[in-house]
Protein backbone atom coordinates (compact mmCIF):
# COMPACT_ATOMS: atom_id res chain seq x y z
CA UNK A 1 226.48 74.97 234.35
CA UNK A 2 229.88 75.70 235.86
CA UNK A 3 232.80 73.97 234.14
CA UNK A 4 234.43 72.16 237.07
CA UNK A 5 237.57 71.54 235.00
CA UNK A 6 238.25 75.23 234.42
CA UNK A 7 237.75 76.60 237.95
CA UNK A 8 238.22 74.39 241.05
CA UNK A 9 237.13 75.90 244.36
CA UNK A 10 237.70 79.36 242.92
CA UNK A 11 241.15 78.49 241.57
CA UNK A 12 241.37 79.06 237.82
CA UNK A 13 243.22 76.36 235.89
CA UNK A 14 245.76 77.61 233.36
CA UNK A 15 244.74 77.36 229.71
CA UNK A 16 247.35 74.72 228.88
CA UNK A 17 246.10 72.32 231.57
CA UNK A 18 242.46 73.02 230.65
CA UNK A 19 243.07 72.28 226.98
CA UNK A 20 244.78 69.06 228.01
CA UNK A 21 241.65 68.11 229.97
CA UNK A 22 239.48 68.78 226.90
CA UNK A 23 241.76 66.61 224.76
CA UNK A 24 241.58 63.80 227.33
CA UNK A 25 237.78 63.68 227.16
CA UNK A 26 237.81 63.86 223.37
CA UNK A 27 240.37 61.04 223.20
CA UNK A 28 238.22 58.70 225.28
CA UNK A 29 235.09 59.47 223.27
CA UNK A 30 237.00 58.76 220.07
CA UNK A 31 238.33 55.47 221.47
CA UNK A 32 235.22 54.16 223.24
CA UNK A 33 232.28 56.09 221.75
CA UNK A 34 230.06 58.93 222.96
CA UNK A 35 227.09 57.57 224.94
CA UNK A 36 226.23 60.83 226.71
CA UNK A 37 222.71 60.74 225.23
CA UNK A 38 222.13 57.05 225.98
CA UNK A 39 219.07 56.24 228.06
CA UNK A 40 220.41 53.38 230.21
CA UNK A 41 217.77 51.67 232.32
CA UNK A 42 218.57 51.21 236.02
CA UNK A 43 217.32 48.24 238.05
CA UNK A 44 218.01 46.85 241.52
CA UNK A 45 218.95 43.25 242.31
CA UNK A 46 220.00 41.67 245.59
CA UNK A 47 223.76 41.07 245.76
CA UNK A 48 224.21 37.29 245.68
CA UNK A 49 227.40 37.33 247.77
CA UNK A 50 227.23 40.01 250.46
CA UNK A 51 223.51 40.75 250.22
CA UNK A 52 222.65 38.87 253.39
CA UNK A 53 225.72 39.93 255.40
CA UNK A 54 225.65 43.64 254.53
CA UNK A 55 222.13 44.18 253.18
CA UNK A 56 223.57 45.14 249.80
CA UNK A 57 221.61 45.41 246.54
CA UNK A 58 223.35 45.92 243.20
CA UNK A 59 222.49 48.80 240.89
CA UNK A 60 222.48 47.34 237.35
CA UNK A 61 222.71 49.69 234.37
CA UNK A 62 221.74 49.12 230.73
CA UNK A 63 222.16 45.69 229.17
CA UNK A 64 221.97 43.30 232.12
CA UNK A 65 224.13 40.65 230.46
CA UNK A 66 226.96 43.18 230.22
CA UNK A 67 226.78 43.93 233.95
CA UNK A 68 229.59 42.20 235.85
CA UNK A 69 227.42 41.73 238.96
CA UNK A 70 224.19 40.56 237.28
CA UNK A 71 222.85 37.30 238.71
CA UNK A 72 220.95 35.42 235.98
CA UNK A 73 219.43 33.02 238.48
CA UNK A 74 217.59 35.82 240.29
CA UNK A 75 215.05 37.68 238.16
CA UNK A 76 213.38 39.39 241.12
CA UNK A 77 214.23 43.04 240.59
CA UNK A 78 213.52 45.56 243.34
CA UNK A 79 212.37 49.16 243.38
CA UNK A 80 214.50 52.04 244.65
CA UNK A 81 213.53 52.94 248.20
CA UNK A 82 213.37 56.73 248.07
CA UNK A 83 213.20 57.04 251.86
CA UNK A 84 215.81 54.58 253.17
CA UNK A 85 217.93 53.97 250.09
CA UNK A 86 221.55 55.16 249.90
CA UNK A 87 223.93 54.59 246.99
CA UNK A 88 227.51 53.49 247.65
CA UNK A 89 229.35 54.46 244.47
CA UNK A 90 232.65 52.73 243.83
CA UNK A 91 235.03 51.20 241.31
CA UNK A 92 237.17 48.08 241.29
CA UNK A 93 240.74 49.39 241.47
CA UNK A 94 242.59 46.99 243.69
CA UNK A 95 240.62 45.96 246.77
CA UNK A 96 240.72 49.23 248.70
CA UNK A 97 237.69 51.09 247.34
CA UNK A 98 235.55 47.94 247.53
CA UNK A 99 236.57 47.47 251.15
CA UNK A 100 235.66 51.06 252.07
CA UNK A 101 232.33 50.59 250.25
CA UNK A 102 231.66 47.49 252.33
CA UNK A 103 232.27 49.52 255.48
CA UNK A 104 229.73 52.12 254.31
CA UNK A 105 227.19 49.43 253.41
CA UNK A 106 227.68 47.71 256.76
CA UNK A 107 227.17 50.96 258.67
CA UNK A 108 224.12 51.86 256.56
CA UNK A 109 222.51 48.48 257.25
CA UNK A 110 223.22 48.77 260.98
CA UNK A 111 221.58 52.21 260.98
CA UNK A 112 218.42 50.93 259.28
CA UNK A 113 219.11 52.09 255.71
CA UNK A 114 219.28 50.14 252.43
CA UNK A 115 222.70 50.29 250.72
CA UNK A 116 222.77 50.17 246.91
CA UNK A 117 226.08 49.01 245.43
CA UNK A 118 226.89 51.04 242.30
CA UNK A 119 230.15 49.86 240.75
CA UNK A 120 230.97 52.15 237.81
CA UNK A 121 233.51 49.60 236.60
CA UNK A 122 230.89 46.87 236.07
CA UNK A 123 228.71 48.22 233.23
CA UNK A 124 230.41 46.64 230.22
CA UNK A 125 228.50 48.37 227.42
CA UNK A 126 229.04 51.90 228.78
CA UNK A 127 231.81 54.32 227.89
CA UNK A 128 232.09 54.99 231.63
CA UNK A 129 233.23 51.45 232.40
CA UNK A 130 235.54 51.32 229.38
CA UNK A 131 237.30 54.51 230.48
CA UNK A 132 237.68 53.28 234.07
CA UNK A 133 238.95 49.92 232.82
CA UNK A 134 241.61 51.63 230.71
CA UNK A 135 242.72 53.78 233.65
CA UNK A 136 242.73 50.76 235.96
CA UNK A 137 244.93 48.82 233.54
CA UNK A 138 247.44 51.65 233.54
CA UNK A 139 247.49 51.84 237.34
CA UNK A 140 247.93 48.07 237.66
CA UNK A 141 250.79 48.16 235.17
CA UNK A 142 252.48 50.94 237.13
CA UNK A 143 252.01 49.02 240.38
CA UNK A 144 253.69 45.95 238.89
CA UNK A 145 256.51 48.00 237.39
CA UNK A 146 257.13 49.67 240.75
CA UNK A 147 259.14 46.57 241.69
CA UNK A 148 261.85 48.14 239.55
CA UNK A 149 263.63 50.57 241.92
CA UNK A 150 264.58 52.99 239.13
CA UNK A 151 261.00 53.19 237.79
CA UNK A 152 259.68 53.44 241.34
CA UNK A 153 261.99 56.33 242.25
CA UNK A 154 261.75 58.32 239.02
CA UNK A 155 258.15 57.67 237.95
CA UNK A 156 255.83 55.81 240.30
CA UNK A 157 256.45 57.50 243.65
CA UNK A 158 256.58 61.05 242.18
CA UNK A 159 253.33 60.42 240.28
CA UNK A 160 251.53 59.02 243.35
CA UNK A 161 252.84 61.76 245.60
CA UNK A 162 253.10 64.99 243.59
CA UNK A 163 251.51 64.21 240.21
CA UNK A 164 248.13 63.31 241.67
CA UNK A 165 248.42 66.26 244.04
CA UNK A 166 248.08 68.91 241.33
CA UNK A 167 244.86 70.80 240.60
CA UNK A 168 245.64 70.32 236.90
CA UNK A 169 245.27 66.56 237.42
CA UNK A 170 241.83 67.12 238.95
CA UNK A 171 240.93 69.24 235.93
CA UNK A 172 241.44 66.29 233.58
CA UNK A 173 239.68 63.91 235.97
CA UNK A 174 236.65 66.20 236.16
CA UNK A 175 236.41 66.37 232.37
CA UNK A 176 236.70 62.57 232.12
CA UNK A 177 234.03 62.18 234.82
CA UNK A 178 231.59 64.00 232.54
CA UNK A 179 231.82 60.86 230.37
CA UNK A 180 230.73 58.74 233.35
CA UNK A 181 227.60 60.73 234.19
CA UNK A 182 225.41 58.78 231.74
CA UNK A 183 225.15 55.78 234.10
CA UNK A 184 223.29 57.94 236.65
CA UNK A 185 220.66 59.15 234.16
CA UNK A 186 217.79 57.01 235.46
CA UNK A 187 218.82 56.95 239.13
CA UNK A 188 216.37 58.95 241.30
CA UNK A 189 218.18 62.22 241.89
CA UNK A 190 217.14 62.52 245.53
CA UNK A 191 218.83 59.29 246.69
CA UNK A 192 222.02 60.19 248.60
CA UNK A 193 225.33 59.01 247.10
CA UNK A 194 228.51 58.10 248.97
CA UNK A 195 231.48 57.88 246.60
CA UNK A 196 234.36 55.77 247.89
CA UNK A 197 236.42 56.79 244.89
CA UNK A 198 236.36 60.29 243.47
CA UNK A 199 235.00 59.27 240.03
CA UNK A 200 231.61 58.01 241.29
CA UNK A 201 231.29 61.23 243.30
CA UNK A 202 232.31 63.48 240.39
CA UNK A 203 230.05 61.61 237.95
CA UNK A 204 227.13 61.89 240.38
CA UNK A 205 227.59 65.67 240.59
CA UNK A 206 227.79 65.98 236.79
CA UNK A 207 224.62 63.88 236.52
CA UNK A 208 222.68 66.15 238.85
CA UNK A 209 222.49 63.91 241.93
CA UNK A 210 221.43 66.20 244.77
CA UNK A 211 223.14 64.76 247.86
CA UNK A 212 226.70 63.54 247.31
CA UNK A 213 229.38 62.73 249.87
CA UNK A 214 232.92 62.10 248.64
CA UNK A 215 234.61 59.76 251.16
CA UNK A 216 238.33 60.44 250.66
CA UNK A 217 240.37 57.25 251.21
CA UNK A 218 243.92 58.61 251.70
CA UNK A 219 245.32 60.98 254.28
CA UNK A 220 247.93 62.58 252.01
CA UNK A 221 246.01 65.59 250.57
CA UNK A 222 245.81 65.34 246.77
CA UNK A 223 243.67 67.15 244.21
CA UNK A 224 243.01 63.71 242.73
CA UNK A 225 240.38 63.27 245.48
CA UNK A 226 238.47 66.53 244.93
CA UNK A 227 234.85 66.44 243.78
CA UNK A 228 233.60 70.00 244.00
CA UNK A 229 229.87 70.09 244.62
CA UNK A 230 229.98 67.19 247.08
CA UNK A 231 230.78 67.17 250.79
CA UNK A 232 234.27 65.74 251.34
CA UNK A 233 235.00 63.53 254.35
CA UNK A 234 238.40 62.63 255.75
CA UNK A 235 239.53 59.97 258.21
CA UNK A 236 242.40 61.88 259.90
CA UNK A 237 242.78 65.26 261.54
CA UNK A 238 246.29 65.58 260.12
CA UNK A 239 244.96 65.86 256.55
CA UNK A 240 242.22 68.39 257.32
CA UNK A 241 244.32 71.50 256.86
CA UNK A 242 246.01 70.15 253.74
CA UNK A 243 242.63 69.73 252.06
CA UNK A 244 241.14 72.91 253.49
CA UNK A 245 243.81 75.15 251.95
CA UNK A 246 244.54 72.84 248.98
CA UNK A 247 248.10 72.77 250.21
CA UNK A 248 250.73 72.46 247.46
CA UNK A 249 248.12 71.69 244.81
CA UNK A 250 249.27 74.59 242.61
CA UNK A 251 252.99 74.25 243.24
CA UNK A 252 254.17 77.21 245.39
CA UNK A 253 251.13 79.36 244.71
CA UNK A 254 248.67 80.00 247.54
CA UNK A 255 245.31 78.49 246.61
CA UNK A 256 241.87 79.79 247.51
CA UNK A 257 240.62 77.63 250.37
CA UNK A 258 237.89 75.02 250.24
CA UNK A 259 234.74 76.24 252.07
CA UNK A 260 234.43 74.85 255.60
CA UNK A 261 231.03 73.33 254.77
CA UNK A 262 232.62 71.18 252.05
CA UNK A 263 235.04 69.33 254.36
CA UNK A 264 234.17 67.14 257.37
CA UNK A 265 236.34 64.99 259.64
CA UNK A 266 234.59 61.69 260.43
CA UNK A 267 237.19 59.19 261.69
CA UNK A 268 238.05 55.85 260.14
CA UNK A 269 235.69 54.10 257.72
CA UNK A 270 235.16 50.72 259.45
CA UNK A 271 232.49 48.00 259.21
CA UNK A 272 229.88 47.82 261.96
CA UNK A 273 230.74 44.15 262.58
CA UNK A 274 234.34 45.08 263.38
CA UNK A 275 233.64 48.20 265.45
CA UNK A 276 230.97 46.57 267.58
CA UNK A 277 233.28 43.67 268.49
CA UNK A 278 236.50 45.57 269.21
CA UNK A 279 236.60 44.88 272.97
CA UNK A 280 235.84 41.16 272.62
CA UNK A 281 238.37 40.67 269.83
CA UNK A 282 241.16 42.58 271.61
CA UNK A 283 240.53 40.66 274.82
CA UNK A 284 240.81 37.38 272.88
CA UNK A 285 244.16 38.51 271.44
CA UNK A 286 245.51 39.38 274.87
CA UNK A 287 244.29 36.07 276.30
CA UNK A 288 245.96 34.07 273.52
CA UNK A 289 249.23 35.89 274.17
CA UNK A 290 249.07 35.41 277.93
CA UNK A 291 248.26 31.70 277.55
CA UNK A 292 251.09 31.21 275.01
CA UNK A 293 248.76 29.96 272.32
CA UNK A 294 249.88 30.16 268.66
CA UNK A 295 250.04 33.73 267.41
CA UNK A 296 247.86 34.32 264.36
CA UNK A 297 249.14 36.39 261.45
CA UNK A 298 246.91 37.47 258.55
CA UNK A 299 248.62 38.24 255.24
CA UNK A 300 246.60 40.04 252.56
CA UNK A 301 248.24 39.72 249.14
CA UNK A 302 247.14 41.57 246.00
CA UNK A 303 247.45 40.36 242.45
CA UNK A 304 249.97 42.90 241.17
CA UNK A 305 252.77 40.94 242.81
CA UNK A 306 254.68 44.07 243.80
CA UNK A 307 255.41 42.67 247.28
CA UNK A 308 255.50 38.93 246.70
CA UNK A 309 259.16 38.72 247.72
CA UNK A 310 258.36 40.29 251.10
CA UNK A 311 255.50 37.87 251.77
CA UNK A 312 257.68 34.91 250.76
CA UNK A 313 260.34 36.04 253.25
CA UNK A 314 257.70 36.35 256.00
CA UNK A 315 256.37 32.85 255.31
CA UNK A 316 259.89 31.36 255.36
CA UNK A 317 260.58 33.16 258.65
CA UNK A 318 257.39 31.79 260.20
CA UNK A 319 257.79 28.18 259.06
CA UNK A 320 259.79 27.05 262.17
CA UNK A 321 257.18 28.69 264.44
CA UNK A 322 254.36 27.03 262.50
CA UNK A 323 256.04 23.62 262.79
CA UNK A 324 256.34 24.11 266.57
CA UNK A 325 252.73 25.31 266.81
CA UNK A 326 253.83 28.76 267.99
CA UNK A 327 252.32 30.59 265.03
CA UNK A 328 249.35 30.31 262.69
CA UNK A 329 249.21 31.89 259.27
CA UNK A 330 246.14 33.07 257.34
CA UNK A 331 246.94 33.98 253.73
CA UNK A 332 244.24 35.67 251.63
CA UNK A 333 245.26 35.96 247.98
CA UNK A 334 241.91 37.49 247.04
CA UNK A 335 240.85 36.40 243.57
CA UNK A 336 244.41 35.66 242.40
CA UNK A 337 244.97 31.93 242.73
CA UNK A 338 248.20 32.23 240.73
CA UNK A 339 249.71 34.09 243.70
CA UNK A 340 249.05 31.13 246.02
CA UNK A 341 250.42 28.66 243.44
CA UNK A 342 253.55 30.76 243.05
CA UNK A 343 254.15 30.89 246.82
CA UNK A 344 253.71 27.13 247.23
CA UNK A 345 256.09 26.52 244.33
CA UNK A 346 258.64 28.85 245.90
CA UNK A 347 258.20 27.41 249.43
CA UNK A 348 257.37 23.69 248.98
CA UNK A 349 257.33 23.01 252.75
CA UNK A 350 254.10 25.03 252.95
CA UNK A 351 252.14 22.10 251.50
CA UNK A 352 252.52 19.88 254.56
CA UNK A 353 251.00 22.47 256.89
CA UNK A 354 248.46 24.10 254.56
CA UNK A 355 244.69 23.85 254.46
CA UNK A 356 243.14 25.38 251.36
CA UNK A 357 239.84 27.24 251.67
CA UNK A 358 239.22 27.73 247.97
CA UNK A 359 236.05 29.11 246.40
CA UNK A 360 233.71 27.76 249.06
CA UNK A 361 232.19 30.76 250.83
CA UNK A 362 230.12 28.75 253.27
CA UNK A 363 233.23 26.85 254.39
CA UNK A 364 235.24 30.08 254.70
CA UNK A 365 232.46 31.68 256.73
CA UNK A 366 232.29 28.62 258.98
CA UNK A 367 236.07 28.67 259.53
CA UNK A 368 236.02 32.39 260.40
CA UNK A 369 233.30 31.75 262.97
CA UNK A 370 235.13 28.76 264.44
CA UNK A 371 238.32 30.82 264.79
CA UNK A 372 236.45 33.22 267.10
CA UNK A 373 235.68 30.44 269.56
CA UNK A 374 238.03 30.61 272.56
CA UNK A 375 238.08 26.83 272.97
CA UNK A 376 238.87 26.04 269.30
CA UNK A 377 242.49 25.45 268.35
CA UNK A 378 243.65 26.76 264.96
CA UNK A 379 246.95 25.44 263.64
CA UNK A 380 249.15 25.57 260.55
CA UNK A 381 248.66 27.62 257.38
CA UNK A 382 245.25 28.48 255.99
CA UNK A 383 245.08 29.72 252.40
CA UNK A 384 242.03 31.57 251.10
CA UNK A 385 241.11 32.18 247.46
CA UNK A 386 237.73 33.13 246.03
CA UNK A 387 236.99 33.77 242.37
CA UNK A 388 234.21 36.23 243.20
CA UNK A 389 235.48 39.72 244.00
CA UNK A 390 233.03 40.32 246.87
CA UNK A 391 234.08 37.14 248.66
CA UNK A 392 237.75 37.79 247.88
CA UNK A 393 237.66 41.19 249.57
CA UNK A 394 235.28 40.44 252.44
CA UNK A 395 237.26 37.33 253.40
CA UNK A 396 239.92 39.57 254.97
CA UNK A 397 237.25 41.36 257.01
CA UNK A 398 235.99 38.04 258.35
CA UNK A 399 239.48 36.80 259.24
CA UNK A 400 240.55 40.10 260.75
CA UNK A 401 238.50 39.56 263.88
CA UNK A 402 240.27 36.35 264.88
CA UNK A 403 243.81 37.26 263.83
CA UNK A 404 246.36 38.74 266.22
CA UNK A 405 248.37 40.74 263.69
CA UNK A 406 247.41 41.95 260.22
CA UNK A 407 250.41 42.16 257.86
CA UNK A 408 249.67 44.66 255.08
CA UNK A 409 250.96 47.58 253.10
CA UNK A 410 249.81 50.91 254.60
CA UNK A 411 246.81 51.40 252.32
CA UNK A 412 243.11 51.41 253.30
CA UNK A 413 243.77 48.63 255.83
CA UNK A 414 245.97 51.03 257.81
CA UNK A 415 242.80 52.43 259.38
CA UNK A 416 241.32 49.14 260.63
CA UNK A 417 241.04 48.34 264.38
CA UNK A 418 243.45 45.41 264.51
CA UNK A 419 247.18 45.30 265.45
CA UNK A 420 249.08 45.87 262.20
CA UNK A 421 252.55 45.27 260.84
CA UNK A 422 253.18 47.52 257.86
CA UNK A 423 255.38 46.29 255.04
CA UNK A 424 256.76 48.47 252.25
CA UNK A 425 254.26 50.77 250.58
CA UNK A 426 253.24 50.77 246.92
CA UNK A 427 253.14 54.49 246.13
CA UNK A 428 254.57 57.22 248.36
CA UNK A 429 251.13 58.56 249.37
CA UNK A 430 250.58 55.35 251.35
CA UNK A 431 253.36 56.13 253.82
CA UNK A 432 251.03 58.52 255.65
CA UNK A 433 248.73 55.63 256.52
CA UNK A 434 251.53 54.01 258.52
CA UNK A 435 252.48 57.31 260.13
CA UNK A 436 248.91 57.92 261.26
CA UNK A 437 248.49 54.35 262.55
CA UNK A 438 251.74 54.53 264.52
CA UNK A 439 250.57 57.79 266.07
CA UNK A 440 247.21 56.22 266.93
CA UNK A 441 249.12 53.31 268.47
CA UNK A 442 247.40 50.53 266.53
CA UNK A 443 250.16 49.75 264.02
CA UNK A 444 253.91 49.68 263.45
CA UNK A 445 256.09 52.03 261.50
CA UNK A 446 256.41 51.20 257.80
CA UNK A 447 259.04 48.46 257.41
CA UNK A 448 260.65 49.39 254.12
CA UNK A 449 262.83 46.34 253.67
CA UNK A 450 262.76 42.65 254.53
CA UNK A 451 265.22 42.75 257.50
CA UNK A 452 263.14 45.36 259.33
CA UNK A 453 259.94 43.46 258.52
CA UNK A 454 261.35 40.28 260.03
CA UNK A 455 262.63 42.19 263.05
CA UNK A 456 259.07 43.32 263.70
CA UNK A 457 257.75 39.77 263.22
CA UNK A 458 260.21 38.62 265.86
CA UNK A 459 259.06 41.35 268.26
CA UNK A 460 255.40 40.38 267.89
CA UNK A 461 256.23 36.72 268.52
CA UNK A 462 258.67 37.08 271.40
CA UNK A 463 257.71 40.34 273.11
CA UNK A 464 254.46 40.79 275.04
CA UNK A 465 254.36 44.57 275.25
CA UNK A 466 253.85 45.32 271.55
CA UNK A 467 250.59 43.39 271.15
CA UNK A 468 249.21 44.35 274.57
CA UNK A 469 249.86 48.03 273.90
CA UNK A 470 248.20 48.00 270.47
CA UNK A 471 245.12 46.20 271.82
CA UNK A 472 244.80 48.72 274.66
CA UNK A 473 245.15 51.63 272.21
CA UNK A 474 242.52 50.16 269.89
CA UNK A 475 240.04 49.92 272.77
CA UNK A 476 240.91 53.47 273.88
CA UNK A 477 240.52 54.72 270.30
CA UNK A 478 237.08 53.15 270.09
CA UNK A 479 235.96 55.04 273.19
CA UNK A 480 236.84 58.38 271.57
CA UNK A 481 235.07 57.44 268.32
CA UNK A 482 238.14 57.07 266.09
CA UNK A 483 236.61 54.12 264.21
CA UNK A 484 233.10 55.61 263.80
CA UNK A 485 233.75 57.20 260.39
CA UNK A 486 231.44 54.97 258.33
CA UNK A 487 228.48 55.69 260.60
CA UNK A 488 229.18 59.42 260.42
CA UNK A 489 229.49 59.41 256.61
CA UNK A 490 226.12 57.65 256.28
CA UNK A 491 224.60 60.05 258.81
CA UNK A 492 226.00 62.99 256.86
CA UNK A 493 224.71 61.73 253.50
CA UNK A 494 221.20 61.07 254.81
CA UNK A 495 221.33 64.37 256.72
CA UNK A 496 221.92 66.32 253.49
CA UNK A 497 218.58 64.98 252.27
CA UNK A 498 216.66 65.55 255.51
CA UNK A 499 217.77 69.21 255.57
CA UNK A 500 215.91 69.68 252.28
C-alpha cells in the first residue's frame, strides 16, 4: 500500500519531515498503546438528542460504556443499512466540525438517506480517541493563549496560517491517522463516508473504506485538510485554485497539482431546515425592521474565552437598547455555563432582563418555535446553556432562523444564510471566511477591535440599508445554489457508490 506520508499527490516529502512523521506515530503508540490489531465491535444506536430532528444514529465502537454518546436507557441496537446508510465522520474540536456534520446529516435525511454519526473523539478505550483528545487539548490551549497579543502574533497566527499549510504537516497527520484506522475495522466498507474533519476522512482511507468524501471546512487552502484517496469538496470558488495546485504548500516550490477528479466545488454546507426557510426568515427580518420591532442579535460564545471581552462590550453597548425594548439578545454559551456566570458577574444589570433557558431542550425548542411566530413578542436577554454537546451546538441553528443578526467570529458560521457581524478571528485562516461572506453580501467585514465592532452594531440598529441588503443577497444567493453544499456533498458520496 502507498505510504501517504511519504508522497502526497505526487509530491515527495523530504526525508527529515518523513522521519518526523514516523516519530510522531511512534510517540503516540508509546504514550497511549498500539491497538492496531484490536477487533472493536461496531453497533448502531439512535442518537437521543438529535435523532428525531436530523434522523441521526450513533456509531458506537468497542466497549459501550467508554463511548461518550452511548445511551444506557436504550438497548435497541440497529443494523447498518447498506443501501441508504451514510457515515458522517467527525471529531469534537470546538463546535465547528459538529455543526458541519449536522448540516450533512440534515441534508442526508431530507434526501431520504440514513445518517450515521461517527465521532472519532468519543471512543474512550481506543488509541484513536486518546490521540485526538491530546491534539484537541493542545489546540484549546493555543486558542486560550491567543488572547496574549505577543503569543498570537509570533506563534498562533503563523501556525494557523502557514504552519498548517505545509505538506510536511500533512505528512505527520497522515501517519497519525494510521493510528485511528482501527475504529473502522468492523464498519461495512461499502458505506459512504463524509469526513467533516480531515482525520475521519484520512482514517477511513487507511482502513479501506471505499467511498470517502473529505468536506473541507475552511477556505484558506492548507495541506492540513488533505486526505489523498478521498474526493475533496470546498465551499468557495476562491479556494479552488489554491487547493488544485497546492499553492504555497511546499514554500516557493511548484507542487504537482491535485487531479481534477479529486476536487469538487459544492457551495456552503448548510442544514436543510435553514436552506428551505431562507425566504420566509429573511422576509420576517425585513418586516421586523420596517415595523420598528426590537432587533434580535444572536451571540455564540465558545468555552475558550478568547473573545469574552468583545462579547462583554457588545452586551454593555446593547443594554440601553434592551431596556428601551429596541433590541433583543440571544446568548448561546454552548456547554460552558461558566461563561454565562462570568458575564453576569461582570455585567450585573443583565440579571433584571435575563431569562435563562438552561438544560431543558424541550423548553428551548418551544422558545425557538415561538420566536418564529410573527405575532409573538420577544423581549430582553435570553441565555442558553445545555450540558449535552448536541443540544449545545444545535441550539444556535434553532435560534438562527428567528434572529436578525448573528454575531460570531468568521469560522464555520461565516457560511450560514443569516445576516452576520464578524468579530475578531481566532487564527489567521479564519479571516478568509469574513472576506468571502462580505463578497457574497451576507456578512460584514471582520471587525478586529471593539470600537469597530460597536460601530457595526450601531449601523445595524440605526440604519435600514445594511439589513435589507444582506437579506436580499441571501435570497439571491439561494437562487443560484450558494447554500446547497450539504446536499451536493451527500449526492457526491452516494454517487461514488452508485458508480460502482
